[in-house]
Amino acid sequence: MVAQGNPKRITGIKDLVRPDVRTSLPNPLSEGIMRFYGRKVLKRHGLWDQIAAGKECASCQTTPNNWFTSVHHRETPERIQDGRSDTGIVWVTETMEAKRDGARVDSVRLPPEDSLVNEVSYAIGSLSNSRKKAMADRYVRFLATPRQSRHIPSMVS
């Protein structure tokens, strides 16, 4: 996530350690996006130690340019809009939701090896005692169909 129009011209993960870029990153203690994905990408690029500076915390400043959030999908758009951060790692759907709520933010598309789009997986099922079990079962069947036959717009990472 970046400010609307991407004024810092952030193009990828390596920009997170530019001296002129302030980051708002999910905390590595309780935020799954950082625990399972973000840290992996940052380590792959050799940036984790530079960003975390040996700290694993929530709602804390790890370096002059990095803040680890408590709840990233709320804090990151706020920090970007009020000028405390320039960018942050979030799911693309969180940027979409922030924009729907009126936030002046944009996304930067990452390559598959940095978005981990080919490694992210979720489990889904319907509850056996759901009041809307038939609808839930229908949605699960929909998700099992090939993507190209769903007739929905694809999302970027």
Protein backbone atom coordinates (compact mmCIF):
# COMPACT_ATOMS: atom_id res chain seq x y z
CA MET A 1 0.00 0.00 0.00
CA VAL A 2 1.25 3.47 -0.90
CA ALA A 3 -0.18 6.97 -0.91
CA GLN A 4 -2.48 7.79 -3.80
CA GLY A 5 -0.43 8.41 -6.94
CA ASN A 6 2.60 6.72 -5.35
CA PRO A 7 4.54 9.96 -4.74
CA LYS A 8 7.64 8.10 -3.49
CA ARG A 9 7.69 5.97 -6.66
CA ILE A 10 7.86 2.73 -4.70
CA THR A 11 8.17 -0.20 -7.08
CA GLY A 12 8.97 -3.19 -4.91
CA ILE A 13 10.25 -4.76 -1.71
CA LYS A 14 13.76 -3.34 -1.95
CA ASP A 15 12.32 0.18 -1.73
CA LEU A 16 11.26 -0.55 1.87
CA VAL A 17 14.80 0.21 3.06
CA ARG A 18 15.40 3.35 1.04
CA PRO A 19 16.47 6.13 3.42
CA ASP A 20 13.61 8.37 2.22
CA VAL A 21 10.88 5.72 2.72
CA ARG A 22 9.03 5.24 6.02
CA THR A 23 7.29 1.90 6.45
CA SER A 24 4.29 0.68 8.41
CA LEU A 25 4.64 -3.09 8.60
CA PRO A 26 2.53 -5.78 10.24
CA ASN A 27 3.92 -6.83 13.59
CA PRO A 28 5.72 -10.18 13.62
CA LEU A 29 4.08 -11.30 16.87
CA SER A 30 0.42 -11.67 15.94
CA GLU A 31 -0.08 -10.60 12.32
CA GLY A 32 -0.21 -13.68 10.07
CA ILE A 33 0.72 -11.65 6.99
CA MET A 34 4.11 -10.90 8.59
CA ARG A 35 4.62 -14.13 10.50
CA PHE A 36 4.05 -16.37 7.48
CA TYR A 37 4.68 -14.22 4.41
CA GLY A 38 6.20 -10.76 4.88
CA ARG A 39 9.13 -11.89 6.98
CA LYS A 40 9.91 -14.64 4.46
CA VAL A 41 10.04 -12.14 1.59
CA LEU A 42 12.08 -9.62 3.58
CA LYS A 43 14.57 -12.34 4.58
CA ARG A 44 14.78 -13.55 0.99
CA HIS A 45 15.86 -10.04 0.00
CA GLY A 46 18.23 -9.74 2.98
CA LEU A 47 16.16 -6.88 4.46
CA TRP A 48 14.62 -8.36 7.61
CA ASP A 49 17.45 -7.44 9.98
CA GLN A 50 17.65 -3.91 8.57
CA ILE A 51 13.90 -3.37 9.07
CA ALA A 52 13.34 -5.21 12.36
CA ALA A 53 16.65 -4.15 13.95
CA GLY A 54 16.47 -7.14 16.27
CA LYS A 55 13.01 -6.20 17.59
CA GLU A 56 9.88 -8.30 17.47
CA CYS A 57 7.06 -6.20 18.84
CA ALA A 58 3.67 -4.64 18.18
CA SER A 59 2.98 -0.90 18.09
CA CYS A 60 6.67 -0.10 18.16
CA GLN A 61 9.30 1.83 16.26
CA THR A 62 12.09 -0.59 15.23
CA THR A 63 14.18 1.95 13.32
CA PRO A 64 13.73 5.65 12.53
CA ASN A 65 11.96 4.55 9.31
CA ASN A 66 9.94 1.51 10.40
CA TRP A 67 6.87 1.08 12.58
CA PHE A 68 5.46 -2.37 13.45
CA THR A 69 1.69 -2.04 13.74
CA SER A 70 -0.71 -3.62 16.15
CA VAL A 71 -3.48 -4.04 13.54
CA HIS A 72 -1.93 -3.40 10.12
CA HIS A 73 -5.05 -3.12 7.95
CA ARG A 74 -6.30 -0.21 10.08
CA GLU A 75 -3.04 1.48 10.98
CA THR A 76 -1.24 1.34 7.64
CA PRO A 77 -3.77 3.38 5.63
CA GLU A 78 -4.07 5.86 8.53
CA ARG A 79 -0.30 6.24 8.83
CA ILE A 80 0.06 6.70 5.06
CA GLN A 81 -2.73 9.27 4.89
CA ASP A 82 -1.46 11.33 7.80
CA GLY A 83 2.11 11.32 6.49
CA ARG A 84 3.74 9.14 9.16
CA SER A 85 4.46 6.31 6.68
CA ASP A 86 4.97 6.07 2.93
CA THR A 87 4.23 2.39 2.40
CA GLY A 88 3.24 -0.85 4.08
CA ILE A 89 2.75 -4.52 3.37
CA VAL A 90 -0.96 -5.45 3.28
CA TRP A 91 -3.14 -7.85 1.33
CA VAL A 92 -4.46 -6.30 -1.89
CA THR A 93 -8.01 -6.70 -0.55
CA GLU A 94 -7.09 -4.42 2.37
CA THR A 95 -6.04 -1.68 -0.03
CA MET A 96 -9.29 -2.19 -1.93
CA GLU A 97 -11.30 -1.91 1.29
CA ALA A 98 -9.38 1.16 2.45
CA LYS A 99 -10.14 2.82 -0.90
CA ARG A 100 -13.84 1.90 -0.58
CA ASP A 101 -13.75 3.64 2.79
CA GLY A 102 -12.35 6.77 1.14
CA ALA A 103 -8.65 6.33 1.91
CA ARG A 104 -6.32 8.02 -0.56
CA VAL A 105 -4.09 4.98 -1.13
CA ASP A 106 -2.97 2.80 -4.02
CA SER A 107 -1.34 -0.59 -4.52
CA VAL A 108 1.99 -1.57 -5.98
CA ARG A 109 1.85 -4.83 -7.88
CA LEU A 110 4.52 -7.24 -6.70
CA PRO A 111 5.95 -10.12 -8.72
CA PRO A 112 4.74 -13.60 -7.68
CA GLU A 113 7.96 -14.36 -5.80
CA ASP A 114 7.39 -11.30 -3.58
CA SER A 115 3.61 -11.45 -3.24
CA LEU A 116 3.86 -15.20 -2.61
CA VAL A 117 0.66 -15.56 -4.60
CA ASN A 118 1.64 -19.13 -5.45
CA GLU A 119 2.27 -20.00 -1.79
CA VAL A 120 -0.72 -18.44 -0.03
CA SER A 121 -3.48 -20.88 0.82
CA TYR A 122 -6.57 -20.86 2.98
CA ALA A 123 -8.95 -23.52 4.24
CA ILE A 124 -12.67 -22.99 3.81
CA GLY A 125 -15.82 -24.93 4.59
CA SER A 126 -19.41 -24.41 5.57
CA LEU A 127 -20.71 -24.90 9.09
CA SER A 128 -22.98 -27.92 9.45
CA ASN A 129 -25.42 -25.98 11.65
CA SER A 130 -25.43 -22.76 9.62
CA ARG A 131 -28.77 -21.03 9.05
CA LYS A 132 -27.65 -20.45 5.46
CA LYS A 133 -25.89 -23.79 4.85
CA ALA A 134 -27.16 -24.17 1.27
CA MET A 135 -25.80 -20.73 0.37
CA ALA A 136 -22.48 -21.47 2.10
CA ASP A 137 -22.18 -24.80 0.27
CA ARG A 138 -22.89 -23.03 -3.01
CA TYR A 139 -20.12 -20.50 -2.30
CA VAL A 140 -17.63 -23.27 -1.48
CA ARG A 141 -18.52 -25.00 -4.78
CA PHE A 142 -18.01 -21.68 -6.58
CA LEU A 143 -14.54 -21.32 -5.08
CA ALA A 144 -13.66 -24.80 -6.35
CA THR A 145 -14.38 -23.83 -9.97
CA PRO A 146 -11.53 -22.85 -12.31
CA ARG A 147 -10.75 -19.16 -11.95
CA GLN A 148 -11.24 -18.37 -15.65
CA SER A 149 -14.85 -19.62 -15.51
CA ARG A 150 -15.86 -17.49 -12.52
CA HIS A 151 -16.49 -14.30 -14.51
CA ILE A 152 -15.11 -12.03 -11.82
CA PRO A 153 -12.32 -9.46 -12.22
CA SER A 154 -8.90 -10.71 -11.19
CA MET A 155 -7.08 -8.92 -8.37
CA VAL A 156 -3.47 -7.80 -8.35
CA SER A 157 -0.97 -8.63 -5.63
